[in-house]
Amino acid sequence: MPLIHARFRTGLLTLLLLAGLAGPAFASEKVNINTADVATIDRVLLNIGPAKAEAIVAHRKANGPFKSVEQLALVKGVGLKTVEKNRDRIVVGSTKPAAKPAAKPVAAKR
């Protein structure tokens, strides 16, 4: 009986350790609140469901892009506590597509 108990305890500790290591991996996903769609905002941000995600997108369309993470608290239903809880998940990026690198000039064949 003690051997089974020890194996169970070891297995349980292993699972807890793995769960602890996996938590930060899931938290690493980020969302650009100036370009993300409703589904992405809903999926990535904590305490933001579909209705609040829709409110974020509607606010962005009505008022232009967010200039800071703190401006997210201007959206009805999103408070500063929610913003702080999600700070490491939020990116306030440009709404413009990234510029394409200039093409290299082609040398004339002789």
PDB file of N, CA and C in Angstrom:
ATOM      1  N   MET A   1       0.809  -1.202   0.000  1.00  0.00           N
ATOM      2  CA  MET A   1       0.000   0.000   0.000  1.00  0.00           C
ATOM      3  C   MET A   1       0.851   1.265   0.000  1.00  0.00           C
ATOM      4  N   PRO A   2       1.915   1.358   0.783  1.00  0.00           N
ATOM      5  CA  PRO A   2       2.720   2.580   0.770  1.00  0.00           C
ATOM      6  C   PRO A   2       3.338   2.862  -0.597  1.00  0.00           C
ATOM      7  N   LEU A   3       3.694   1.834  -1.372  1.00  0.00           N
ATOM      8  CA  LEU A   3       4.289   2.031  -2.688  1.00  0.00           C
ATOM      9  C   LEU A   3       3.275   2.683  -3.638  1.00  0.00           C
ATOM     10  N   ILE A   4       2.033   2.245  -3.597  1.00  0.00           N
ATOM     11  CA  ILE A   4       0.992   2.832  -4.434  1.00  0.00           C
ATOM     12  C   ILE A   4       0.765   4.283  -4.033  1.00  0.00           C
ATOM     13  N   HIS A   5       0.755   4.550  -2.738  1.00  0.00           N
ATOM     14  CA  HIS A   5       0.551   5.906  -2.246  1.00  0.00           C
ATOM     15  C   HIS A   5       1.692   6.819  -2.715  1.00  0.00           C
ATOM     16  N   ALA A   6       2.914   6.337  -2.652  1.00  0.00           N
ATOM     17  CA  ALA A   6       4.076   7.125  -3.073  1.00  0.00           C
ATOM     18  C   ALA A   6       4.022   7.396  -4.580  1.00  0.00           C
ATOM     19  N   ARG A   7       3.636   6.402  -5.369  1.00  0.00           N
ATOM     20  CA  ARG A   7       3.532   6.598  -6.814  1.00  0.00           C
ATOM     21  C   ARG A   7       2.437   7.597  -7.164  1.00  0.00           C
ATOM     22  N   PHE A   8       1.324   7.497  -6.454  1.00  0.00           N
ATOM     23  CA  PHE A   8       0.231   8.426  -6.680  1.00  0.00           C
ATOM     24  C   PHE A   8       0.677   9.856  -6.359  1.00  0.00           C
ATOM     25  N   ARG A   9       1.341  10.022  -5.225  1.00  0.00           N
ATOM     26  CA  ARG A   9       1.814  11.340  -4.819  1.00  0.00           C
ATOM     27  C   ARG A   9       2.819  11.887  -5.828  1.00  0.00           C
ATOM     28  N   THR A  10       3.738  11.039  -6.300  1.00  0.00           N
ATOM     29  CA  THR A  10       4.721  11.464  -7.291  1.00  0.00           C
ATOM     30  C   THR A  10       4.031  11.860  -8.599  1.00  0.00           C
ATOM     31  N   GLY A  11       3.067  11.082  -9.016  1.00  0.00           N
ATOM     32  CA  GLY A  11       2.330  11.394 -10.238  1.00  0.00           C
ATOM     33  C   GLY A  11       1.553  12.690 -10.103  1.00  0.00           C
ATOM     34  N   LEU A  12       0.935  12.880  -8.957  1.00  0.00           N
ATOM     35  CA  LEU A  12       0.178  14.102  -8.710  1.00  0.00           C
ATOM     36  C   LEU A  12       1.107  15.316  -8.709  1.00  0.00           C
ATOM     37  N   LEU A  13       2.242  15.218  -8.065  1.00  0.00           N
ATOM     38  CA  LEU A  13       3.199  16.323  -8.048  1.00  0.00           C
ATOM     39  C   LEU A  13       3.709  16.636  -9.457  1.00  0.00           C
ATOM     40  N   THR A  14       3.924  15.601 -10.255  1.00  0.00           N
ATOM     41  CA  THR A  14       4.371  15.800 -11.634  1.00  0.00           C
ATOM     42  C   THR A  14       3.312  16.554 -12.437  1.00  0.00           C
ATOM     43  N   LEU A  15       2.059  16.155 -12.293  1.00  0.00           N
ATOM     44  CA  LEU A  15       0.972  16.839 -12.999  1.00  0.00           C
ATOM     45  C   LEU A  15       0.853  18.303 -12.570  1.00  0.00           C
ATOM     46  N   LEU A  16       0.986  18.555 -11.274  1.00  0.00           N
ATOM     47  CA  LEU A  16       0.916  19.933 -10.794  1.00  0.00           C
ATOM     48  C   LEU A  16       2.061  20.770 -11.334  1.00  0.00           C
ATOM     49  N   LEU A  17       3.243  20.195 -11.381  1.00  0.00           N
ATOM     50  CA  LEU A  17       4.397  20.906 -11.918  1.00  0.00           C
ATOM     51  C   LEU A  17       4.199  21.225 -13.394  1.00  0.00           C
ATOM     52  N   LEU A  18       3.724  20.248 -14.156  1.00  0.00           N
ATOM     53  CA  LEU A  18       3.486  20.474 -15.585  1.00  0.00           C
ATOM     54  C   LEU A  18       2.395  21.522 -15.809  1.00  0.00           C
ATOM     55  N   ALA A  19       1.364  21.493 -14.995  1.00  0.00           N
ATOM     56  CA  ALA A  19       0.303  22.487 -15.118  1.00  0.00           C
ATOM     57  C   ALA A  19       0.839  23.882 -14.807  1.00  0.00           C
ATOM     58  N   GLY A  20       1.712  23.982 -13.832  1.00  0.00           N
ATOM     59  CA  GLY A  20       2.318  25.268 -13.492  1.00  0.00           C
ATOM     60  C   GLY A  20       3.190  25.803 -14.604  1.00  0.00           C
ATOM     61  N   LEU A  21       3.875  24.921 -15.305  1.00  0.00           N
ATOM     62  CA  LEU A  21       4.726  25.348 -16.409  1.00  0.00           C
ATOM     63  C   LEU A  21       3.905  25.689 -17.642  1.00  0.00           C
ATOM     64  N   ALA A  22       2.778  25.050 -17.819  1.00  0.00           N
ATOM     65  CA  ALA A  22       1.946  25.293 -18.992  1.00  0.00           C
ATOM     66  C   ALA A  22       1.191  26.615 -18.883  1.00  0.00           C
ATOM     67  N   GLY A  23       0.881  27.066 -17.679  1.00  0.00           N
ATOM     68  CA  GLY A  23       0.137  28.309 -17.481  1.00  0.00           C
ATOM     69  C   GLY A  23       0.778  29.495 -18.179  1.00  0.00           C
ATOM     70  N   PRO A  24       2.060  29.774 -17.931  1.00  0.00           N
ATOM     71  CA  PRO A  24       2.695  30.907 -18.600  1.00  0.00           C
ATOM     72  C   PRO A  24       2.738  30.760 -20.118  1.00  0.00           C
ATOM     73  N   ALA A  25       2.783  29.544 -20.612  1.00  0.00           N
ATOM     74  CA  ALA A  25       2.812  29.348 -22.059  1.00  0.00           C
ATOM     75  C   ALA A  25       1.514  29.821 -22.688  1.00  0.00           C
ATOM     76  N   PHE A  26       0.388  29.570 -22.036  1.00  0.00           N
ATOM     77  CA  PHE A  26      -0.889  30.020 -22.566  1.00  0.00           C
ATOM     78  C   PHE A  26      -1.022  31.534 -22.459  1.00  0.00           C
ATOM     79  N   ALA A  27      -0.420  32.129 -21.447  1.00  0.00           N
ATOM     80  CA  ALA A  27      -0.514  33.570 -21.246  1.00  0.00           C
ATOM     81  C   ALA A  27       0.330  34.345 -22.245  1.00  0.00           C
ATOM     82  N   SER A  28       1.136  33.671 -23.032  1.00  0.00           N
ATOM     83  CA  SER A  28       2.033  34.378 -23.930  1.00  0.00           C
ATOM     84  C   SER A  28       1.335  34.872 -25.201  1.00  0.00           C
ATOM     85  N   GLU A  29       0.134  34.406 -25.472  1.00  0.00           N
ATOM     86  CA  GLU A  29      -0.565  34.885 -26.671  1.00  0.00           C
ATOM     87  C   GLU A  29      -0.970  36.339 -26.463  1.00  0.00           C
ATOM     88  N   LYS A  30      -0.741  37.138 -27.479  1.00  0.00           N
ATOM     89  CA  LYS A  30      -1.043  38.563 -27.408  1.00  0.00           C
ATOM     90  C   LYS A  30      -2.054  38.935 -28.486  1.00  0.00           C
ATOM     91  N   VAL A  31      -2.719  40.061 -28.269  1.00  0.00           N
ATOM     92  CA  VAL A  31      -3.718  40.523 -29.226  1.00  0.00           C
ATOM     93  C   VAL A  31      -3.507  42.017 -29.478  1.00  0.00           C
ATOM     94  N   ASN A  32      -3.487  42.383 -30.747  1.00  0.00           N
ATOM     95  CA  ASN A  32      -3.412  43.791 -31.131  1.00  0.00           C
ATOM     96  C   ASN A  32      -4.841  44.309 -31.127  1.00  0.00           C
ATOM     97  N   ILE A  33      -5.162  45.153 -30.156  1.00  0.00           N
ATOM     98  CA  ILE A  33      -6.543  45.611 -30.024  1.00  0.00           C
ATOM     99  C   ILE A  33      -6.954  46.585 -31.128  1.00  0.00           C
ATOM    100  N   ASN A  34      -6.005  46.996 -31.963  1.00  0.00           N
ATOM    101  CA  ASN A  34      -6.345  47.871 -33.086  1.00  0.00           C
ATOM    102  C   ASN A  34      -6.649  47.114 -34.373  1.00  0.00           C
ATOM    103  N   THR A  35      -6.354  45.824 -34.406  1.00  0.00           N
ATOM    104  CA  THR A  35      -6.599  45.059 -35.629  1.00  0.00           C
ATOM    105  C   THR A  35      -7.371  43.757 -35.397  1.00  0.00           C
ATOM    106  N   ALA A  36      -7.437  43.297 -34.172  1.00  0.00           N
ATOM    107  CA  ALA A  36      -8.042  41.988 -33.889  1.00  0.00           C
ATOM    108  C   ALA A  36      -9.550  42.003 -34.087  1.00  0.00           C
ATOM    109  N   ASP A  37     -10.066  40.845 -34.472  1.00  0.00           N
ATOM    110  CA  ASP A  37     -11.516  40.704 -34.607  1.00  0.00           C
ATOM    111  C   ASP A  37     -12.116  40.300 -33.263  1.00  0.00           C
ATOM    112  N   VAL A  38     -13.430  40.259 -33.223  1.00  0.00           N
ATOM    113  CA  VAL A  38     -14.161  39.959 -31.990  1.00  0.00           C
ATOM    114  C   VAL A  38     -13.752  38.606 -31.420  1.00  0.00           C
ATOM    115  N   ALA A  39     -13.674  37.596 -32.266  1.00  0.00           N
ATOM    116  CA  ALA A  39     -13.361  36.243 -31.791  1.00  0.00           C
ATOM    117  C   ALA A  39     -11.973  36.181 -31.144  1.00  0.00           C
ATOM    118  N   THR A  40     -10.998  36.871 -31.732  1.00  0.00           N
ATOM    119  CA  THR A  40      -9.647  36.847 -31.192  1.00  0.00           C
ATOM    120  C   THR A  40      -9.583  37.570 -29.852  1.00  0.00           C
ATOM    121  N   ILE A  41     -10.209  38.721 -29.757  1.00  0.00           N
ATOM    122  CA  ILE A  41     -10.226  39.462 -28.493  1.00  0.00           C
ATOM    123  C   ILE A  41     -10.895  38.630 -27.413  1.00  0.00           C
ATOM    124  N   ASP A  42     -12.000  38.010 -27.744  1.00  0.00           N
ATOM    125  CA  ASP A  42     -12.734  37.150 -26.808  1.00  0.00           C
ATOM    126  C   ASP A  42     -11.862  35.988 -26.340  1.00  0.00           C
ATOM    127  N   ARG A  43     -11.110  35.385 -27.238  1.00  0.00           N
ATOM    128  CA  ARG A  43     -10.297  34.213 -26.911  1.00  0.00           C
ATOM    129  C   ARG A  43      -9.072  34.562 -26.067  1.00  0.00           C
ATOM    130  N   VAL A  44      -8.421  35.661 -26.366  1.00  0.00           N
ATOM    131  CA  VAL A  44      -7.131  35.966 -25.735  1.00  0.00           C
ATOM    132  C   VAL A  44      -7.262  36.703 -24.404  1.00  0.00           C
ATOM    133  N   LEU A  45      -8.184  37.637 -24.308  1.00  0.00           N
ATOM    134  CA  LEU A  45      -8.261  38.457 -23.103  1.00  0.00           C
ATOM    135  C   LEU A  45      -9.114  37.817 -22.012  1.00  0.00           C
ATOM    136  N   LEU A  46      -8.649  37.960 -20.783  1.00  0.00           N
ATOM    137  CA  LEU A  46      -9.346  37.427 -19.616  1.00  0.00           C
ATOM    138  C   LEU A  46     -10.501  38.351 -19.231  1.00  0.00           C
ATOM    139  N   ASN A  47     -11.603  37.783 -18.804  1.00  0.00           N
ATOM    140  CA  ASN A  47     -12.804  38.513 -18.381  1.00  0.00           C
ATOM    141  C   ASN A  47     -13.394  39.365 -19.498  1.00  0.00           C
ATOM    142  N   ILE A  48     -13.115  39.010 -20.734  1.00  0.00           N
ATOM    143  CA  ILE A  48     -13.707  39.675 -21.895  1.00  0.00           C
ATOM    144  C   ILE A  48     -14.441  38.604 -22.688  1.00  0.00           C
ATOM    145  N   GLY A  49     -15.758  38.684 -22.659  1.00  0.00           N
ATOM    146  CA  GLY A  49     -16.559  37.737 -23.422  1.00  0.00           C
ATOM    147  C   GLY A  49     -16.928  38.327 -24.773  1.00  0.00           C
ATOM    148  N   PRO A  50     -17.799  37.647 -25.491  1.00  0.00           N
ATOM    149  CA  PRO A  50     -18.186  38.111 -26.823  1.00  0.00           C
ATOM    150  C   PRO A  50     -18.798  39.522 -26.825  1.00  0.00           C
ATOM    151  N   ALA A  51     -19.620  39.844 -25.844  1.00  0.00           N
ATOM    152  CA  ALA A  51     -20.269  41.163 -25.825  1.00  0.00           C
ATOM    153  C   ALA A  51     -19.245  42.278 -25.615  1.00  0.00           C
ATOM    154  N   LYS A  52     -18.331  42.089 -24.676  1.00  0.00           N
ATOM    155  CA  LYS A  52     -17.306  43.114 -24.444  1.00  0.00           C
ATOM    156  C   LYS A  52     -16.334  43.191 -25.616  1.00  0.00           C
ATOM    157  N   ALA A  53     -16.037  42.056 -26.221  1.00  0.00           N
ATOM    158  CA  ALA A  53     -15.159  42.061 -27.398  1.00  0.00           C
ATOM    159  C   ALA A  53     -15.819  42.851 -28.528  1.00  0.00           C
ATOM    160  N   GLU A  54     -17.125  42.677 -28.707  1.00  0.00           N
ATOM    161  CA  GLU A  54     -17.853  43.446 -29.729  1.00  0.00           C
ATOM    162  C   GLU A  54     -17.831  44.934 -29.387  1.00  0.00           C
ATOM    163  N   ALA A  55     -17.948  45.258 -28.096  1.00  0.00           N
ATOM    164  CA  ALA A  55     -17.908  46.662 -27.671  1.00  0.00           C
ATOM    165  C   ALA A  55     -16.536  47.273 -27.956  1.00  0.00           C
ATOM    166  N   ILE A  56     -15.474  46.499 -27.781  1.00  0.00           N
ATOM    167  CA  ILE A  56     -14.117  46.977 -28.064  1.00  0.00           C
ATOM    168  C   ILE A  56     -13.978  47.299 -29.553  1.00  0.00           C
ATOM    169  N   VAL A  57     -14.424  46.388 -30.397  1.00  0.00           N
ATOM    170  CA  VAL A  57     -14.330  46.604 -31.844  1.00  0.00           C
ATOM    171  C   VAL A  57     -15.203  47.791 -32.263  1.00  0.00           C
ATOM    172  N   ALA A  58     -16.402  47.906 -31.699  1.00  0.00           N
ATOM    173  CA  ALA A  58     -17.295  49.022 -32.034  1.00  0.00           C
ATOM    174  C   ALA A  58     -16.676  50.352 -31.588  1.00  0.00           C
ATOM    175  N   HIS A  59     -16.076  50.370 -30.408  1.00  0.00           N
ATOM    176  CA  HIS A  59     -15.428  51.591 -29.912  1.00  0.00           C
ATOM    177  C   HIS A  59     -14.282  51.993 -30.837  1.00  0.00           C
ATOM    178  N   ARG A  60     -13.518  51.013 -31.260  1.00  0.00           N
ATOM    179  CA  ARG A  60     -12.387  51.269 -32.168  1.00  0.00           C
ATOM    180  C   ARG A  60     -12.880  51.836 -33.507  1.00  0.00           C
ATOM    181  N   LYS A  61     -13.971  51.291 -34.026  1.00  0.00           N
ATOM    182  CA  LYS A  61     -14.517  51.779 -35.305  1.00  0.00           C
ATOM    183  C   LYS A  61     -15.074  53.192 -35.160  1.00  0.00           C
ATOM    184  N   ALA A  62     -15.687  53.478 -34.025  1.00  0.00           N
ATOM    185  CA  ALA A  62     -16.312  54.791 -33.817  1.00  0.00           C
ATOM    186  C   ALA A  62     -15.301  55.874 -33.455  1.00  0.00           C
ATOM    187  N   ASN A  63     -14.238  55.510 -32.744  1.00  0.00           N
ATOM    188  CA  ASN A  63     -13.318  56.510 -32.198  1.00  0.00           C
ATOM    189  C   ASN A  63     -11.900  56.443 -32.744  1.00  0.00           C
ATOM    190  N   GLY A  64     -11.646  55.509 -33.618  1.00  0.00           N
ATOM    191  CA  GLY A  64     -10.292  55.366 -34.144  1.00  0.00           C
ATOM    192  C   GLY A  64      -9.470  54.417 -33.287  1.00  0.00           C
ATOM    193  N   PRO A  65      -8.230  54.167 -33.703  1.00  0.00           N
ATOM    194  CA  PRO A  65      -7.393  53.194 -33.007  1.00  0.00           C
ATOM    195  C   PRO A  65      -7.031  53.629 -31.590  1.00  0.00           C
ATOM    196  N   PHE A  66      -6.810  52.646 -30.750  1.00  0.00           N
ATOM    197  CA  PHE A  66      -6.360  52.905 -29.388  1.00  0.00           C
ATOM    198  C   PHE A  66      -4.911  53.372 -29.439  1.00  0.00           C
ATOM    199  N   LYS A  67      -4.575  54.374 -28.624  1.00  0.00           N
ATOM    200  CA  LYS A  67      -3.212  54.880 -28.577  1.00  0.00           C
ATOM    201  C   LYS A  67      -2.430  54.300 -27.402  1.00  0.00           C
ATOM    202  N   SER A  68      -3.141  53.732 -26.432  1.00  0.00           N
ATOM    203  CA  SER A  68      -2.494  53.125 -25.270  1.00  0.00           C
ATOM    204  C   SER A  68      -3.368  51.999 -24.733  1.00  0.00           C
ATOM    205  N   VAL A  69      -2.765  51.158 -23.939  1.00  0.00           N
ATOM    206  CA  VAL A  69      -3.504  50.052 -23.325  1.00  0.00           C
ATOM    207  C   VAL A  69      -4.587  50.612 -22.395  1.00  0.00           C
ATOM    208  N   GLU A  70      -4.259  51.680 -21.680  1.00  0.00           N
ATOM    209  CA  GLU A  70      -5.201  52.263 -20.721  1.00  0.00           C
ATOM    210  C   GLU A  70      -6.488  52.751 -21.383  1.00  0.00           C
ATOM    211  N   GLN A  71      -6.431  53.147 -22.652  1.00  0.00           N
ATOM    212  CA  GLN A  71      -7.630  53.614 -23.353  1.00  0.00           C
ATOM    213  C   GLN A  71      -8.681  52.526 -23.497  1.00  0.00           C
ATOM    214  N   LEU A  72      -8.282  51.292 -23.325  1.00  0.00           N
ATOM    215  CA  LEU A  72      -9.251  50.198 -23.391  1.00  0.00           C
ATOM    216  C   LEU A  72     -10.306  50.356 -22.295  1.00  0.00           C
ATOM    217  N   ALA A  73      -9.946  51.011 -21.187  1.00  0.00           N
ATOM    218  CA  ALA A  73     -10.895  51.230 -20.091  1.00  0.00           C
ATOM    219  C   ALA A  73     -11.994  52.223 -20.470  1.00  0.00           C
ATOM    220  N   LEU A  74     -11.852  52.913 -21.590  1.00  0.00           N
ATOM    221  CA  LEU A  74     -12.898  53.824 -22.061  1.00  0.00           C
ATOM    222  C   LEU A  74     -14.084  53.067 -22.652  1.00  0.00           C
ATOM    223  N   VAL A  75     -13.885  51.792 -22.950  1.00  0.00           N
ATOM    224  CA  VAL A  75     -14.950  50.965 -23.520  1.00  0.00           C
ATOM    225  C   VAL A  75     -15.911  50.588 -22.405  1.00  0.00           C
ATOM    226  N   LYS A  76     -17.184  50.799 -22.648  1.00  0.00           N
ATOM    227  CA  LYS A  76     -18.202  50.472 -21.643  1.00  0.00           C
ATOM    228  C   LYS A  76     -18.117  48.994 -21.273  1.00  0.00           C
ATOM    229  N   GLY A  77     -18.040  48.738 -19.977  1.00  0.00           N
ATOM    230  CA  GLY A  77     -17.974  47.368 -19.488  1.00  0.00           C
ATOM    231  C   GLY A  77     -16.565  46.855 -19.255  1.00  0.00           C
ATOM    232  N   VAL A  78     -15.558  47.623 -19.659  1.00  0.00           N
ATOM    233  CA  VAL A  78     -14.162  47.231 -19.454  1.00  0.00           C
ATOM    234  C   VAL A  78     -13.560  48.200 -18.446  1.00  0.00           C
ATOM    235  N   GLY A  79     -13.193  47.683 -17.283  1.00  0.00           N
ATOM    236  CA  GLY A  79     -12.624  48.539 -16.246  1.00  0.00           C
ATOM    237  C   GLY A  79     -11.111  48.450 -16.182  1.00  0.00           C
ATOM    238  N   LEU A  80     -10.536  49.305 -15.352  1.00  0.00           N
ATOM    239  CA  LEU A  80      -9.079  49.323 -15.195  1.00  0.00           C
ATOM    240  C   LEU A  80      -8.538  47.999 -14.654  1.00  0.00           C
ATOM    241  N   LYS A  81      -9.299  47.334 -13.789  1.00  0.00           N
ATOM    242  CA  LYS A  81      -8.843  46.035 -13.257  1.00  0.00           C
ATOM    243  C   LYS A  81      -8.699  45.025 -14.391  1.00  0.00           C
ATOM    244  N   THR A  82      -9.636  45.025 -15.302  1.00  0.00           N
ATOM    245  CA  THR A  82      -9.566  44.107 -16.440  1.00  0.00           C
ATOM    246  C   THR A  82      -8.389  44.464 -17.336  1.00  0.00           C
ATOM    247  N   VAL A  83      -8.163  45.753 -17.540  1.00  0.00           N
ATOM    248  CA  VAL A  83      -7.023  46.191 -18.351  1.00  0.00           C
ATOM    249  C   VAL A  83      -5.722  45.728 -17.703  1.00  0.00           C
ATOM    250  N   GLU A  84      -5.581  45.931 -16.398  1.00  0.00           N
ATOM    251  CA  GLU A  84      -4.357  45.529 -15.697  1.00  0.00           C
ATOM    252  C   GLU A  84      -4.154  44.018 -15.737  1.00  0.00           C
ATOM    253  N   LYS A  85      -5.232  43.272 -15.602  1.00  0.00           N
ATOM    254  CA  LYS A  85      -5.148  41.809 -15.631  1.00  0.00           C
ATOM    255  C   LYS A  85      -4.655  41.317 -16.989  1.00  0.00           C
ATOM    256  N   ASN A  86      -4.949  42.080 -18.044  1.00  0.00           N
ATOM    257  CA  ASN A  86      -4.613  41.676 -19.411  1.00  0.00           C
ATOM    258  C   ASN A  86      -3.428  42.430 -20.007  1.00  0.00           C
ATOM    259  N   ARG A  87      -2.794  43.288 -19.239  1.00  0.00           N
ATOM    260  CA  ARG A  87      -1.743  44.166 -19.770  1.00  0.00           C
ATOM    261  C   ARG A  87      -0.696  43.407 -20.580  1.00  0.00           C
ATOM    262  N   ASP A  88      -0.270  42.238 -20.108  1.00  0.00           N
ATOM    263  CA  ASP A  88       0.771  41.477 -20.814  1.00  0.00           C
ATOM    264  C   ASP A  88       0.239  40.757 -22.048  1.00  0.00           C
ATOM    265  N   ARG A  89      -1.065  40.786 -22.260  1.00  0.00           N
ATOM    266  CA  ARG A  89      -1.677  40.132 -23.415  1.00  0.00           C
ATOM    267  C   ARG A  89      -2.043  41.130 -24.516  1.00  0.00           C
ATOM    268  N   ILE A  90      -1.972  42.425 -24.207  1.00  0.00           N
ATOM    269  CA  ILE A  90      -2.451  43.453 -25.131  1.00  0.00           C
ATOM    270  C   ILE A  90      -1.289  44.129 -25.848  1.00  0.00           C
ATOM    271  N   VAL A  91      -1.464  44.295 -27.143  1.00  0.00           N
ATOM    272  CA  VAL A  91      -0.530  45.056 -27.971  1.00  0.00           C
ATOM    273  C   VAL A  91      -1.334  46.186 -28.593  1.00  0.00           C
ATOM    274  N   VAL A  92      -0.778  47.388 -28.561  1.00  0.00           N
ATOM    275  CA  VAL A  92      -1.407  48.527 -29.220  1.00  0.00           C
ATOM    276  C   VAL A  92      -0.535  48.836 -30.422  1.00  0.00           C
ATOM    277  N   GLY A  93      -0.852  48.171 -31.515  1.00  0.00           N
ATOM    278  CA  GLY A  93      -0.046  48.316 -32.719  1.00  0.00           C
ATOM    279  C   GLY A  93      -0.727  49.177 -33.753  1.00  0.00           C
ATOM    280  N   SER A  94      -0.036  49.362 -34.816  1.00  0.00           N
ATOM    281  CA  SER A  94      -0.528  50.149 -35.944  1.00  0.00           C
ATOM    282  C   SER A  94      -1.682  49.430 -36.631  1.00  0.00           C
ATOM    283  N   THR A  95      -2.538  50.217 -37.233  1.00  0.00           N
ATOM    284  CA  THR A  95      -3.631  49.635 -38.004  1.00  0.00           C
ATOM    285  C   THR A  95      -3.240  49.515 -39.466  1.00  0.00           C
ATOM    286  N   LYS A  96      -2.068  50.051 -39.815  1.00  0.00           N
ATOM    287  CA  LYS A  96      -1.597  49.989 -41.196  1.00  0.00           C
ATOM    288  C   LYS A  96      -0.855  48.682 -41.419  1.00  0.00           C
ATOM    289  N   PRO A  97      -0.978  48.103 -42.600  1.00  0.00           N
ATOM    290  CA  PRO A  97      -0.210  46.897 -42.884  1.00  0.00           C
ATOM    291  C   PRO A  97       1.278  47.227 -42.937  1.00  0.00           C
ATOM    292  N   ALA A  98       2.089  46.263 -42.591  1.00  0.00           N
ATOM    293  CA  ALA A  98       3.535  46.461 -42.612  1.00  0.00           C
ATOM    294  C   ALA A  98       3.994  46.757 -44.035  1.00  0.00           C
ATOM    295  N   ALA A  99       4.958  47.663 -44.151  1.00  0.00           N
ATOM    296  CA  ALA A  99       5.475  48.025 -45.470  1.00  0.00           C
ATOM    297  C   ALA A  99       6.281  46.865 -46.039  1.00  0.00           C
ATOM    298  N   LYS A 100       6.131  46.662 -47.331  1.00  0.00           N
ATOM    299  CA  LYS A 100       6.883  45.603 -47.991  1.00  0.00           C
ATOM    300  C   LYS A 100       8.301  46.098 -48.237  1.00  0.00           C
ATOM    301  N   PRO A 101       9.282  45.238 -48.081  1.00  0.00           N
ATOM    302  CA  PRO A 101      10.649  45.670 -48.355  1.00  0.00           C
ATOM    303  C   PRO A 101      10.817  46.017 -49.826  1.00  0.00           C
ATOM    304  N   ALA A 102      11.659  46.996 -50.090  1.00  0.00           N
ATOM    305  CA  ALA A 102      11.894  47.424 -51.472  1.00  0.00           C
ATOM    306  C   ALA A 102      12.541  46.288 -52.254  1.00  0.00           C
ATOM    307  N   ALA A 103      12.141  46.164 -53.500  1.00  0.00           N
ATOM    308  CA  ALA A 103      12.700  45.109 -54.344  1.00  0.00           C
ATOM    309  C   ALA A 103      14.156  45.452 -54.671  1.00  0.00           C
ATOM    310  N   LYS A 104      14.960  44.425 -54.736  1.00  0.00           N
ATOM    311  CA  LYS A 104      16.364  44.623 -55.081  1.00  0.00           C
ATOM    312  C   LYS A 104      16.450  44.924 -56.574  1.00  0.00           C
ATOM    313  N   PRO A 105      17.316  45.883 -56.932  1.00  0.00           N
ATOM    314  CA  PRO A 105      17.456  46.167 -58.361  1.00  0.00           C
ATOM    315  C   PRO A 105      18.082  44.974 -59.078  1.00  0.00           C
ATOM    316  N   VAL A 106      17.596  44.732 -60.255  1.00  0.00           N
ATOM    317  CA  VAL A 106      18.106  43.611 -61.042  1.00  0.00           C
ATOM    318  C   VAL A 106      19.225  44.138 -61.944  1.00  0.00           C
ATOM    319  N   ALA A 107      20.356  43.506 -61.865  1.00  0.00           N
ATOM    320  CA  ALA A 107      21.488  43.909 -62.695  1.00  0.00           C
ATOM    321  C   ALA A 107      21.226  43.542 -64.137  1.00  0.00           C
ATOM    322  N   ALA A 108      21.567  44.434 -65.037  1.00  0.00           N
ATOM    323  CA  ALA A 108      21.371  44.174 -66.466  1.00  0.00           C
ATOM    324  C   ALA A 108      22.366  43.137 -66.930  1.00  0.00           C
ATOM    325  N   LYS A 109      21.900  42.215 -67.737  1.00  0.00           N
ATOM    326  CA  LYS A 109      22.785  41.184 -68.288  1.00  0.00           C
ATOM    327  C   LYS A 109      23.546  41.775 -69.465  1.00  0.00           C
ATOM    328  N   ARG A 110      24.790  41.373 -69.580  1.00  0.00           N
ATOM    329  CA  ARG A 110      25.606  41.861 -70.704  1.00  0.00           C
ATOM    330  C   ARG A 110      25.761  40.828 -71.750  1.00  0.00           C
TER     331      ARG A 110
END
